[in-house]
Amino acid sequence: MRILFDKNVPVGARRFLSGHEVRTFVEMGWHPQLENGELLKAAEAAGFDVMITSDQNIRYQQNLTGRKLALVALGSNIWPIVRDHGAAIASKVDAATRGSYDFIEMQLPPKPRKKDI
């Protein structure tokens, strides 16, 4: 499967997808100002099967009906959080089908409590 990482996805997540061809937005040489709608069209034209993004609003901002590309949205783009969800990322990508959308919930760790003085 050909997978595109949006510019906001930590590249370390590539290691969870070793059985797939993974390219990043930067590796594709696309213009940094490319908007989501144009990015989705470019990804489809380039033959990608899945795009992974951390843009949690993409499903509300773009019409995903009729897309060739599956989308997997991460609940965070912070590497120490994303790295704990490798199995979920691999599972969602493996289960992706043409035009599907899936979201991986990623909770922020609790903030440390201040010690009572």
PDB file of N, CA and C in Angstrom:
ATOM      1  N   MET A   1       0.846  -1.177   0.000  1.00  0.00           N
ATOM      2  CA  MET A   1       0.000   0.000   0.000  1.00  0.00           C
ATOM      3  C   MET A   1       0.894   1.245   0.000  1.00  0.00           C
ATOM      4  N   ARG A   2       0.504   2.250  -0.758  1.00  0.00           N
ATOM      5  CA  ARG A   2       1.257   3.517  -0.796  1.00  0.00           C
ATOM      6  C   ARG A   2       0.619   4.503   0.188  1.00  0.00           C
ATOM      7  N   ILE A   3       1.447   5.006   1.103  1.00  0.00           N
ATOM      8  CA  ILE A   3       0.961   5.867   2.173  1.00  0.00           C
ATOM      9  C   ILE A   3       1.687   7.202   2.128  1.00  0.00           C
ATOM     10  N   LEU A   4       0.907   8.276   2.271  1.00  0.00           N
ATOM     11  CA  LEU A   4       1.452   9.630   2.329  1.00  0.00           C
ATOM     12  C   LEU A   4       1.288  10.169   3.745  1.00  0.00           C
ATOM     13  N   PHE A   5       2.370  10.705   4.296  1.00  0.00           N
ATOM     14  CA  PHE A   5       2.308  11.418   5.570  1.00  0.00           C
ATOM     15  C   PHE A   5       2.118  12.892   5.274  1.00  0.00           C
ATOM     16  N   ASP A   6       1.051  13.473   5.812  1.00  0.00           N
ATOM     17  CA  ASP A   6       0.841  14.912   5.727  1.00  0.00           C
ATOM     18  C   ASP A   6       1.998  15.592   6.460  1.00  0.00           C
ATOM     19  N   LYS A   7       2.159  16.891   6.218  1.00  0.00           N
ATOM     20  CA  LYS A   7       3.302  17.610   6.785  1.00  0.00           C
ATOM     21  C   LYS A   7       3.290  17.677   8.304  1.00  0.00           C
ATOM     22  N   ASN A   8       2.171  17.378   8.940  1.00  0.00           N
ATOM     23  CA  ASN A   8       2.085  17.472  10.391  1.00  0.00           C
ATOM     24  C   ASN A   8       2.260  16.131  11.105  1.00  0.00           C
ATOM     25  N   VAL A   9       2.605  15.081  10.390  1.00  0.00           N
ATOM     26  CA  VAL A   9       2.760  13.747  10.974  1.00  0.00           C
ATOM     27  C   VAL A   9       4.230  13.486  11.289  1.00  0.00           C
ATOM     28  N   PRO A  10       4.535  13.075  12.526  1.00  0.00           N
ATOM     29  CA  PRO A  10       5.936  12.770  12.861  1.00  0.00           C
ATOM     30  C   PRO A  10       6.466  11.630  11.985  1.00  0.00           C
ATOM     31  N   VAL A  11       7.621  11.847  11.364  1.00  0.00           N
ATOM     32  CA  VAL A  11       8.164  10.847  10.441  1.00  0.00           C
ATOM     33  C   VAL A  11       8.539   9.547  11.155  1.00  0.00           C
ATOM     34  N   GLY A  12       8.716   9.591  12.457  1.00  0.00           N
ATOM     35  CA  GLY A  12       9.016   8.371  13.208  1.00  0.00           C
ATOM     36  C   GLY A  12       7.919   7.323  13.098  1.00  0.00           C
ATOM     37  N   ALA A  13       6.702   7.755  12.783  1.00  0.00           N
ATOM     38  CA  ALA A  13       5.581   6.821  12.640  1.00  0.00           C
ATOM     39  C   ALA A  13       5.783   5.887  11.446  1.00  0.00           C
ATOM     40  N   ARG A  14       6.719   6.213  10.595  1.00  0.00           N
ATOM     41  CA  ARG A  14       7.029   5.379   9.424  1.00  0.00           C
ATOM     42  C   ARG A  14       7.412   3.962   9.857  1.00  0.00           C
ATOM     43  N   ARG A  15       8.062   3.850  11.006  1.00  0.00           N
ATOM     44  CA  ARG A  15       8.535   2.531  11.437  1.00  0.00           C
ATOM     45  C   ARG A  15       7.399   1.567  11.775  1.00  0.00           C
ATOM     46  N   PHE A  16       6.193   2.073  11.984  1.00  0.00           N
ATOM     47  CA  PHE A  16       5.042   1.213  12.275  1.00  0.00           C
ATOM     48  C   PHE A  16       4.445   0.621  10.999  1.00  0.00           C
ATOM     49  N   LEU A  17       4.919   1.079   9.846  1.00  0.00           N
ATOM     50  CA  LEU A  17       4.315   0.715   8.568  1.00  0.00           C
ATOM     51  C   LEU A  17       5.338   0.077   7.631  1.00  0.00           C
ATOM     52  N   SER A  18       6.180  -0.777   8.189  1.00  0.00           N
ATOM     53  CA  SER A  18       7.305  -1.330   7.438  1.00  0.00           C
ATOM     54  C   SER A  18       6.898  -2.138   6.206  1.00  0.00           C
ATOM     55  N   GLY A  19       5.694  -2.677   6.169  1.00  0.00           N
ATOM     56  CA  GLY A  19       5.268  -3.454   5.012  1.00  0.00           C
ATOM     57  C   GLY A  19       4.697  -2.615   3.893  1.00  0.00           C
ATOM     58  N   HIS A  20       4.760  -1.291   4.040  1.00  0.00           N
ATOM     59  CA  HIS A  20       4.148  -0.386   3.075  1.00  0.00           C
ATOM     60  C   HIS A  20       5.180   0.600   2.532  1.00  0.00           C
ATOM     61  N   GLU A  21       4.852   1.204   1.404  1.00  0.00           N
ATOM     62  CA  GLU A  21       5.673   2.293   0.865  1.00  0.00           C
ATOM     63  C   GLU A  21       5.157   3.600   1.482  1.00  0.00           C
ATOM     64  N   VAL A  22       6.026   4.267   2.238  1.00  0.00           N
ATOM     65  CA  VAL A  22       5.632   5.499   2.921  1.00  0.00           C
ATOM     66  C   VAL A  22       6.449   6.660   2.378  1.00  0.00           C
ATOM     67  N   ARG A  23       5.759   7.726   1.998  1.00  0.00           N
ATOM     68  CA  ARG A  23       6.408   8.958   1.543  1.00  0.00           C
ATOM     69  C   ARG A  23       5.854  10.107   2.367  1.00  0.00           C
ATOM     70  N   THR A  24       6.674  11.113   2.577  1.00  0.00           N
ATOM     71  CA  THR A  24       6.220  12.286   3.308  1.00  0.00           C
ATOM     72  C   THR A  24       5.898  13.412   2.324  1.00  0.00           C
ATOM     73  N   PHE A  25       5.128  14.347   2.809  1.00  0.00           N
ATOM     74  CA  PHE A  25       4.785  15.551   2.060  1.00  0.00           C
ATOM     75  C   PHE A  25       6.065  16.203   1.539  1.00  0.00           C
ATOM     76  N   VAL A  26       7.065  16.323   2.401  1.00  0.00           N
ATOM     77  CA  VAL A  26       8.344  16.959   2.035  1.00  0.00           C
ATOM     78  C   VAL A  26       9.058  16.149   0.959  1.00  0.00           C
ATOM     79  N   GLU A  27       9.086  14.832   1.092  1.00  0.00           N
ATOM     80  CA  GLU A  27       9.746  13.988   0.094  1.00  0.00           C
ATOM     81  C   GLU A  27       9.109  14.129  -1.291  1.00  0.00           C
ATOM     82  N   MET A  28       7.824  14.422  -1.302  1.00  0.00           N
ATOM     83  CA  MET A  28       7.128  14.594  -2.577  1.00  0.00           C
ATOM     84  C   MET A  28       7.475  15.929  -3.228  1.00  0.00           C
ATOM     85  N   GLY A  29       8.055  16.839  -2.466  1.00  0.00           N
ATOM     86  CA  GLY A  29       8.452  18.130  -3.013  1.00  0.00           C
ATOM     87  C   GLY A  29       7.292  19.069  -3.281  1.00  0.00           C
ATOM     88  N   TRP A  30       6.174  18.842  -2.622  1.00  0.00           N
ATOM     89  CA  TRP A  30       5.010  19.684  -2.835  1.00  0.00           C
ATOM     90  C   TRP A  30       5.151  21.006  -2.102  1.00  0.00           C
ATOM     91  N   HIS A  31       4.510  22.021  -2.637  1.00  0.00           N
ATOM     92  CA  HIS A  31       4.582  23.379  -2.089  1.00  0.00           C
ATOM     93  C   HIS A  31       4.021  23.391  -0.670  1.00  0.00           C
ATOM     94  N   PRO A  32       4.745  24.007   0.281  1.00  0.00           N
ATOM     95  CA  PRO A  32       4.301  24.019   1.684  1.00  0.00           C
ATOM     96  C   PRO A  32       2.929  24.654   1.904  1.00  0.00           C
ATOM     97  N   GLN A  33       2.504  25.521   0.996  1.00  0.00           N
ATOM     98  CA  GLN A  33       1.217  26.201   1.154  1.00  0.00           C
ATOM     99  C   GLN A  33       0.049  25.434   0.527  1.00  0.00           C
ATOM    100  N   LEU A  34       0.318  24.210   0.049  1.00  0.00           N
ATOM    101  CA  LEU A  34      -0.720  23.401  -0.577  1.00  0.00           C
ATOM    102  C   LEU A  34      -1.849  23.155   0.423  1.00  0.00           C
ATOM    103  N   GLU A  35      -3.049  23.587   0.073  1.00  0.00           N
ATOM    104  CA  GLU A  35      -4.209  23.442   0.955  1.00  0.00           C
ATOM    105  C   GLU A  35      -4.725  22.008   0.913  1.00  0.00           C
ATOM    106  N   ASN A  36      -5.506  21.629   1.928  1.00  0.00           N
ATOM    107  CA  ASN A  36      -5.975  20.252   2.049  1.00  0.00           C
ATOM    108  C   ASN A  36      -6.677  19.720   0.808  1.00  0.00           C
ATOM    109  N   GLY A  37      -7.568  20.502   0.225  1.00  0.00           N
ATOM    110  CA  GLY A  37      -8.279  20.032  -0.961  1.00  0.00           C
ATOM    111  C   GLY A  37      -7.331  19.706  -2.098  1.00  0.00           C
ATOM    112  N   GLU A  38      -6.383  20.580  -2.341  1.00  0.00           N
ATOM    113  CA  GLU A  38      -5.391  20.354  -3.401  1.00  0.00           C
ATOM    114  C   GLU A  38      -4.449  19.211  -3.031  1.00  0.00           C
ATOM    115  N   LEU A  39      -4.127  19.093  -1.750  1.00  0.00           N
ATOM    116  CA  LEU A  39      -3.263  18.004  -1.293  1.00  0.00           C
ATOM    117  C   LEU A  39      -3.943  16.653  -1.528  1.00  0.00           C
ATOM    118  N   LEU A  40      -5.207  16.546  -1.218  1.00  0.00           N
ATOM    119  CA  LEU A  40      -5.928  15.295  -1.446  1.00  0.00           C
ATOM    120  C   LEU A  40      -5.944  14.934  -2.928  1.00  0.00           C
ATOM    121  N   LYS A  41      -6.183  15.925  -3.785  1.00  0.00           N
ATOM    122  CA  LYS A  41      -6.169  15.681  -5.233  1.00  0.00           C
ATOM    123  C   LYS A  41      -4.783  15.244  -5.701  1.00  0.00           C
ATOM    124  N   ALA A  42      -3.746  15.912  -5.203  1.00  0.00           N
ATOM    125  CA  ALA A  42      -2.374  15.575  -5.598  1.00  0.00           C
ATOM    126  C   ALA A  42      -2.006  14.169  -5.131  1.00  0.00           C
ATOM    127  N   ALA A  43      -2.412  13.819  -3.920  1.00  0.00           N
ATOM    128  CA  ALA A  43      -2.119  12.487  -3.387  1.00  0.00           C
ATOM    129  C   ALA A  43      -2.807  11.403  -4.205  1.00  0.00           C
ATOM    130  N   GLU A  44      -4.055  11.653  -4.580  1.00  0.00           N
ATOM    131  CA  GLU A  44      -4.769  10.687  -5.406  1.00  0.00           C
ATOM    132  C   GLU A  44      -4.128  10.571  -6.786  1.00  0.00           C
ATOM    133  N   ALA A  45      -3.764  11.711  -7.361  1.00  0.00           N
ATOM    134  CA  ALA A  45      -3.132  11.710  -8.688  1.00  0.00           C
ATOM    135  C   ALA A  45      -1.790  10.981  -8.665  1.00  0.00           C
ATOM    136  N   ALA A  46      -1.100  11.044  -7.524  1.00  0.00           N
ATOM    137  CA  ALA A  46       0.200  10.384  -7.389  1.00  0.00           C
ATOM    138  C   ALA A  46       0.056   8.901  -7.045  1.00  0.00           C
ATOM    139  N   GLY A  47      -1.176   8.428  -6.898  1.00  0.00           N
ATOM    140  CA  GLY A  47      -1.407   7.003  -6.683  1.00  0.00           C
ATOM    141  C   GLY A  47      -1.322   6.526  -5.248  1.00  0.00           C
ATOM    142  N   PHE A  48      -1.453   7.445  -4.283  1.00  0.00           N
ATOM    143  CA  PHE A  48      -1.427   7.018  -2.886  1.00  0.00           C
ATOM    144  C   PHE A  48      -2.750   6.366  -2.523  1.00  0.00           C
ATOM    145  N   ASP A  49      -2.678   5.371  -1.644  1.00  0.00           N
ATOM    146  CA  ASP A  49      -3.865   4.661  -1.178  1.00  0.00           C
ATOM    147  C   ASP A  49      -4.403   5.256   0.120  1.00  0.00           C
ATOM    148  N   VAL A  50      -3.484   5.725   0.976  1.00  0.00           N
ATOM    149  CA  VAL A  50      -3.848   6.237   2.295  1.00  0.00           C
ATOM    150  C   VAL A  50      -3.043   7.502   2.573  1.00  0.00           C
ATOM    151  N   MET A  51      -3.696   8.483   3.188  1.00  0.00           N
ATOM    152  CA  MET A  51      -2.974   9.642   3.710  1.00  0.00           C
ATOM    153  C   MET A  51      -3.182   9.661   5.219  1.00  0.00           C
ATOM    154  N   ILE A  52      -2.079   9.807   5.933  1.00  0.00           N
ATOM    155  CA  ILE A  52      -2.137   9.952   7.384  1.00  0.00           C
ATOM    156  C   ILE A  52      -1.915  11.421   7.693  1.00  0.00           C
ATOM    157  N   THR A  53      -2.787  11.965   8.531  1.00  0.00           N
ATOM    158  CA  THR A  53      -2.730  13.370   8.889  1.00  0.00           C
ATOM    159  C   THR A  53      -2.984  13.538  10.379  1.00  0.00           C
ATOM    160  N   SER A  54      -2.563  14.651  10.922  1.00  0.00           N
ATOM    161  CA  SER A  54      -2.922  15.019  12.298  1.00  0.00           C
ATOM    162  C   SER A  54      -3.957  16.134  12.283  1.00  0.00           C
ATOM    163  N   ASP A  55      -4.439  16.488  11.113  1.00  0.00           N
ATOM    164  CA  ASP A  55      -5.470  17.518  10.983  1.00  0.00           C
ATOM    165  C   ASP A  55      -6.814  16.883  11.341  1.00  0.00           C
ATOM    166  N   GLN A  56      -7.234  17.081  12.581  1.00  0.00           N
ATOM    167  CA  GLN A  56      -8.444  16.443  13.075  1.00  0.00           C
ATOM    168  C   GLN A  56      -9.713  17.035  12.482  1.00  0.00           C
ATOM    169  N   ASN A  57      -9.614  18.162  11.818  1.00  0.00           N
ATOM    170  CA  ASN A  57     -10.790  18.802  11.229  1.00  0.00           C
ATOM    171  C   ASN A  57     -10.962  18.514   9.748  1.00  0.00           C
ATOM    172  N   ILE A  58     -10.056  17.768   9.149  1.00  0.00           N
ATOM    173  CA  ILE A  58     -10.085  17.566   7.698  1.00  0.00           C
ATOM    174  C   ILE A  58     -11.414  16.975   7.231  1.00  0.00           C
ATOM    175  N   ARG A  59     -12.005  16.101   8.011  1.00  0.00           N
ATOM    176  CA  ARG A  59     -13.266  15.489   7.570  1.00  0.00           C
ATOM    177  C   ARG A  59     -14.423  16.479   7.555  1.00  0.00           C
ATOM    178  N   TYR A  60     -14.294  17.566   8.307  1.00  0.00           N
ATOM    179  CA  TYR A  60     -15.323  18.602   8.316  1.00  0.00           C
ATOM    180  C   TYR A  60     -15.039  19.693   7.285  1.00  0.00           C
ATOM    181  N   GLN A  61     -13.775  19.832   6.900  1.00  0.00           N
ATOM    182  CA  GLN A  61     -13.365  20.883   5.979  1.00  0.00           C
ATOM    183  C   GLN A  61     -13.406  20.442   4.520  1.00  0.00           C
ATOM    184  N   GLN A  62     -13.349  19.131   4.293  1.00  0.00           N
ATOM    185  CA  GLN A  62     -13.278  18.605   2.929  1.00  0.00           C
ATOM    186  C   GLN A  62     -14.410  17.623   2.682  1.00  0.00           C
ATOM    187  N   ASN A  63     -14.912  17.605   1.466  1.00  0.00           N
ATOM    188  CA  ASN A  63     -15.895  16.609   1.079  1.00  0.00           C
ATOM    189  C   ASN A  63     -15.131  15.334   0.735  1.00  0.00           C
ATOM    190  N   LEU A  64     -15.308  14.311   1.553  1.00  0.00           N
ATOM    191  CA  LEU A  64     -14.572  13.069   1.360  1.00  0.00           C
ATOM    192  C   LEU A  64     -15.348  12.049   0.518  1.00  0.00           C
ATOM    193  N   THR A  65     -16.565  12.386   0.144  1.00  0.00           N
ATOM    194  CA  THR A  65     -17.388  11.500  -0.668  1.00  0.00           C
ATOM    195  C   THR A  65     -16.738  11.289  -2.032  1.00  0.00           C
ATOM    196  N   GLY A  66     -16.640  10.038  -2.432  1.00  0.00           N
ATOM    197  CA  GLY A  66     -16.099   9.712  -3.751  1.00  0.00           C
ATOM    198  C   GLY A  66     -14.582   9.732  -3.839  1.00  0.00           C
ATOM    199  N   ARG A  67     -13.905   9.892  -2.734  1.00  0.00           N
ATOM    200  CA  ARG A  67     -12.433   9.901  -2.745  1.00  0.00           C
ATOM    201  C   ARG A  67     -11.885   8.511  -3.019  1.00  0.00           C
ATOM    202  N   LYS A  68     -10.777   8.469  -3.741  1.00  0.00           N
ATOM    203  CA  LYS A  68     -10.050   7.220  -3.962  1.00  0.00           C
ATOM    204  C   LYS A  68      -9.152   6.919  -2.763  1.00  0.00           C
ATOM    205  N   LEU A  69      -8.790   7.961  -2.065  1.00  0.00           N
ATOM    206  CA  LEU A  69      -7.815   7.914  -0.984  1.00  0.00           C
ATOM    207  C   LEU A  69      -8.497   7.663   0.355  1.00  0.00           C
ATOM    208  N   ALA A  70      -7.938   6.787   1.166  1.00  0.00           N
ATOM    209  CA  ALA A  70      -8.402   6.602   2.539  1.00  0.00           C
ATOM    210  C   ALA A  70      -7.647   7.586   3.427  1.00  0.00           C
ATOM    211  N   LEU A  71      -8.306   8.075   4.454  1.00  0.00           N
ATOM    212  CA  LEU A  71      -7.671   8.993   5.406  1.00  0.00           C
ATOM    213  C   LEU A  71      -7.640   8.369   6.790  1.00  0.00           C
ATOM    214  N   VAL A  72      -6.483   8.491   7.438  1.00  0.00           N
ATOM    215  CA  VAL A  72      -6.334   8.098   8.836  1.00  0.00           C
ATOM    216  C   VAL A  72      -5.845   9.337   9.563  1.00  0.00           C
ATOM    217  N   ALA A  73      -6.654   9.807  10.516  1.00  0.00           N
ATOM    218  CA  ALA A  73      -6.310  11.018  11.277  1.00  0.00           C
ATOM    219  C   ALA A  73      -5.817  10.618  12.663  1.00  0.00           C
ATOM    220  N   LEU A  74      -4.696  11.198  13.036  1.00  0.00           N
ATOM    221  CA  LEU A  74      -4.113  10.956  14.362  1.00  0.00           C
ATOM    222  C   LEU A  74      -4.628  11.996  15.338  1.00  0.00           C
ATOM    223  N   GLY A  75      -4.839  11.595  16.575  1.00  0.00           N
ATOM    224  CA  GLY A  75      -5.323  12.499  17.609  1.00  0.00           C
ATOM    225  C   GLY A  75      -4.264  13.414  18.160  1.00  0.00           C
ATOM    226  N   SER A  76      -3.029  13.296  17.674  1.00  0.00           N
ATOM    227  CA  SER A  76      -1.934  14.166  18.118  1.00  0.00           C
ATOM    228  C   SER A  76      -0.834  14.140  17.064  1.00  0.00           C
ATOM    229  N   ASN A  77      -0.009  15.154  17.075  1.00  0.00           N
ATOM    230  CA  ASN A  77       1.195  15.140  16.228  1.00  0.00           C
ATOM    231  C   ASN A  77       2.447  15.234  17.092  1.00  0.00           C
ATOM    232  N   ILE A  78       2.300  15.007  18.375  1.00  0.00           N
ATOM    233  CA  ILE A  78       3.420  15.062  19.318  1.00  0.00           C
ATOM    234  C   ILE A  78       4.029  13.663  19.402  1.00  0.00           C
ATOM    235  N   TRP A  79       5.282  13.539  18.974  1.00  0.00           N
ATOM    236  CA  TRP A  79       5.911  12.231  18.842  1.00  0.00           C
ATOM    237  C   TRP A  79       5.839  11.373  20.104  1.00  0.00           C
ATOM    238  N   PRO A  80       6.127  11.863  21.303  1.00  0.00           N
ATOM    239  CA  PRO A  80       6.030  10.979  22.472  1.00  0.00           C
ATOM    240  C   PRO A  80       4.628  10.396  22.691  1.00  0.00           C
ATOM    241  N   ILE A  81       3.613  11.046  22.168  1.00  0.00           N
ATOM    242  CA  ILE A  81       2.253  10.505  22.257  1.00  0.00           C
ATOM    243  C   ILE A  81       1.998   9.556  21.089  1.00  0.00           C
ATOM    244  N   VAL A  82       2.353   9.972  19.888  1.00  0.00           N
ATOM    245  CA  VAL A  82       2.120   9.151  18.685  1.00  0.00           C
ATOM    246  C   VAL A  82       2.853   7.820  18.786  1.00  0.00           C
ATOM    247  N   ARG A  83       4.065   7.815  19.306  1.00  0.00           N
ATOM    248  CA  ARG A  83       4.863   6.575  19.336  1.00  0.00           C
ATOM    249  C   ARG A  83       4.236   5.481  20.191  1.00  0.00           C
ATOM    250  N   ASP A  84       3.340   5.847  21.098  1.00  0.00           N
ATOM    251  CA  ASP A  84       2.657   4.855  21.927  1.00  0.00           C
ATOM    252  C   ASP A  84       1.444   4.240  21.230  1.00  0.00           C
ATOM    253  N   HIS A  85       1.177   4.645  19.992  1.00  0.00           N
ATOM    254  CA  HIS A  85       0.005   4.176  19.255  1.00  0.00           C
ATOM    255  C   HIS A  85       0.371   3.469  17.949  1.00  0.00           C
ATOM    256  N   GLY A  86       1.560   2.918  17.902  1.00  0.00           N
ATOM    257  CA  GLY A  86       2.028   2.258  16.681  1.00  0.00           C
ATOM    258  C   GLY A  86       1.130   1.125  16.212  1.00  0.00           C
ATOM    259  N   ALA A  87       0.669   0.298  17.139  1.00  0.00           N
ATOM    260  CA  ALA A  87      -0.188  -0.832  16.753  1.00  0.00           C
ATOM    261  C   ALA A  87      -1.508  -0.326  16.179  1.00  0.00           C
ATOM    262  N   ALA A  88      -2.071   0.713  16.774  1.00  0.00           N
ATOM    263  CA  ALA A  88      -3.336   1.270  16.273  1.00  0.00           C
ATOM    264  C   ALA A  88      -3.153   1.879  14.889  1.00  0.00           C
ATOM    265  N   ILE A  89      -2.037   2.579  14.684  1.00  0.00           N
ATOM    266  CA  ILE A  89      -1.764   3.185  13.379  1.00  0.00           C
ATOM    267  C   ILE A  89      -1.657   2.095  12.317  1.00  0.00           C
ATOM    268  N   ALA A  90      -0.872   1.055  12.606  1.00  0.00           N
ATOM    269  CA  ALA A  90      -0.704  -0.038  11.645  1.00  0.00           C
ATOM    270  C   ALA A  90      -2.040  -0.723  11.364  1.00  0.00           C
ATOM    271  N   SER A  91      -2.827  -0.941  12.392  1.00  0.00           N
ATOM    272  CA  SER A  91      -4.118  -1.608  12.246  1.00  0.00           C
ATOM    273  C   SER A  91      -5.091  -0.787  11.395  1.00  0.00           C
ATOM    274  N   LYS A  92      -5.170   0.498  11.654  1.00  0.00           N
ATOM    275  CA  LYS A  92      -6.086   1.364  10.897  1.00  0.00           C
ATOM    276  C   LYS A  92      -5.663   1.472   9.436  1.00  0.00           C
ATOM    277  N   VAL A  93      -4.365   1.542   9.197  1.00  0.00           N
ATOM    278  CA  VAL A  93      -3.875   1.610   7.816  1.00  0.00           C
ATOM    279  C   VAL A  93      -4.174   0.301   7.095  1.00  0.00           C
ATOM    280  N   ASP A  94      -3.917  -0.823   7.753  1.00  0.00           N
ATOM    281  CA  ASP A  94      -4.171  -2.122   7.128  1.00  0.00           C
ATOM    282  C   ASP A  94      -5.654  -2.321   6.806  1.00  0.00           C
ATOM    283  N   ALA A  95      -6.536  -1.735   7.632  1.00  0.00           N
ATOM    284  CA  ALA A  95      -7.982  -1.887   7.440  1.00  0.00           C
ATOM    285  C   ALA A  95      -8.575  -0.825   6.508  1.00  0.00           C
ATOM    286  N   ALA A  96      -7.771   0.159   6.107  1.00  0.00           N
ATOM    287  CA  ALA A  96      -8.277   1.266   5.281  1.00  0.00           C
ATOM    288  C   ALA A  96      -8.758   0.756   3.929  1.00  0.00           C
ATOM    289  N   THR A  97      -9.871   1.329   3.504  1.00  0.00           N
ATOM    290  CA  THR A  97     -10.407   1.019   2.181  1.00  0.00           C
ATOM    291  C   THR A  97     -10.630   2.328   1.434  1.00  0.00           C
ATOM    292  N   ARG A  98     -10.709   2.227   0.169  1.00  0.00           N
ATOM    293  CA  ARG A  98     -10.893   3.388  -0.712  1.00  0.00           C
ATOM    294  C   ARG A  98     -11.988   4.316  -0.178  1.00  0.00           C
ATOM    295  N   GLY A  99     -11.639   5.563   0.083  1.00  0.00           N
ATOM    296  CA  GLY A  99     -12.591   6.565   0.533  1.00  0.00           C
ATOM    297  C   GLY A  99     -12.938   6.520   2.013  1.00  0.00           C
ATOM    298  N   SER A 100     -12.321   5.626   2.776  1.00  0.00           N
ATOM    299  CA  SER A 100     -12.658   5.526   4.197  1.00  0.00           C
ATOM    300  C   SER A 100     -11.966   6.622   5.016  1.00  0.00           C
ATOM    301  N   TYR A 101     -12.506   6.830   6.209  1.00  0.00           N
ATOM    302  CA  TYR A 101     -11.934   7.792   7.151  1.00  0.00           C
ATOM    303  C   TYR A 101     -11.913   7.114   8.511  1.00  0.00           C
ATOM    304  N   ASP A 102     -10.778   7.224   9.189  1.00  0.00           N
ATOM    305  CA  ASP A 102     -10.683   6.688  10.536  1.00  0.00           C
ATOM    306  C   ASP A 102      -9.882   7.639  11.401  1.00  0.00           C
ATOM    307  N   PHE A 103     -10.249   7.703  12.663  1.00  0.00           N
ATOM    308  CA  PHE A 103      -9.598   8.594  13.626  1.00  0.00           C
ATOM    309  C   PHE A 103      -9.025   7.747  14.750  1.00  0.00           C
ATOM    310  N   ILE A 104      -7.785   8.056  15.133  1.00  0.00           N
ATOM    311  CA  ILE A 104      -7.142   7.364  16.250  1.00  0.00           C
ATOM    312  C   ILE A 104      -7.063   8.335  17.418  1.00  0.00           C
ATOM    313  N   GLU A 105      -7.839   8.050  18.440  1.00  0.00           N
ATOM    314  CA  GLU A 105      -7.863   8.875  19.643  1.00  0.00           C
ATOM    315  C   GLU A 105      -6.513   8.754  20.351  1.00  0.00           C
ATOM    316  N   MET A 106      -5.952   9.891  20.732  1.00  0.00           N
ATOM    317  CA  MET A 106      -4.676   9.921  21.442  1.00  0.00           C
ATOM    318  C   MET A 106      -4.777  10.939  22.564  1.00  0.00           C
ATOM    319  N   GLN A 107      -4.941  10.446  23.747  1.00  0.00           N
ATOM    320  CA  GLN A 107      -5.089  11.324  24.903  1.00  0.00           C
ATOM    321  C   GLN A 107      -3.746  11.909  25.316  1.00  0.00           C
ATOM    322  N   LEU A 108      -3.767  13.191  25.676  1.00  0.00           N
ATOM    323  CA  LEU A 108      -2.584  13.812  26.247  1.00  0.00           C
ATOM    324  C   LEU A 108      -2.354  13.226  27.628  1.00  0.00           C
ATOM    325  N   PRO A 109      -1.086  13.076  28.028  1.00  0.00           N
ATOM    326  CA  PRO A 109      -0.846  12.579  29.383  1.00  0.00           C
ATOM    327  C   PRO A 109      -1.332  13.613  30.397  1.00  0.00           C
ATOM    328  N   PRO A 110      -1.704  13.165  31.602  1.00  0.00           N
ATOM    329  CA  PRO A 110      -2.166  14.124  32.603  1.00  0.00           C
ATOM    330  C   PRO A 110      -1.044  15.085  32.982  1.00  0.00           C
ATOM    331  N   LYS A 111      -1.436  16.307  33.254  1.00  0.00           N
ATOM    332  CA  LYS A 111      -0.449  17.296  33.681  1.00  0.00           C
ATOM    333  C   LYS A 111       0.017  16.948  35.083  1.00  0.00           C
ATOM    334  N   PRO A 112       1.314  17.139  35.341  1.00  0.00           N
ATOM    335  CA  PRO A 112       1.792  16.851  36.690  1.00  0.00           C
ATOM    336  C   PRO A 112       1.133  17.787  37.697  1.00  0.00           C
ATOM    337  N   ARG A 113       0.800  17.213  38.818  1.00  0.00           N
ATOM    338  CA  ARG A 113       0.168  18.008  39.867  1.00  0.00           C
ATOM    339  C   ARG A 113       1.227  18.749  40.660  1.00  0.00           C
ATOM    340  N   LYS A 114       0.891  19.944  41.034  1.00  0.00           N
ATOM    341  CA  LYS A 114       1.812  20.711  41.875  1.00  0.00           C
ATOM    342  C   LYS A 114       1.784  20.112  43.267  1.00  0.00           C
ATOM    343  N   LYS A 115       2.952  20.013  43.851  1.00  0.00           N
ATOM    344  CA  LYS A 115       3.033  19.495  45.213  1.00  0.00           C
ATOM    345  C   LYS A 115       2.481  20.528  46.176  1.00  0.00           C
ATOM    346  N   ASP A 116       1.778  20.026  47.153  1.00  0.00           N
ATOM    347  CA  ASP A 116       1.285  20.939  48.189  1.00  0.00           C
ATOM    348  C   ASP A 116       2.469  21.444  48.995  1.00  0.00           C
ATOM    349  N   ILE A 117       2.419  22.717  49.283  1.00  0.00           N
ATOM    350  CA  ILE A 117       3.525  23.338  50.009  1.00  0.00           C
ATOM    351  C   ILE A 117       3.211  23.357  51.490  1.00  0.00           C
TER     352      ILE A 117
END
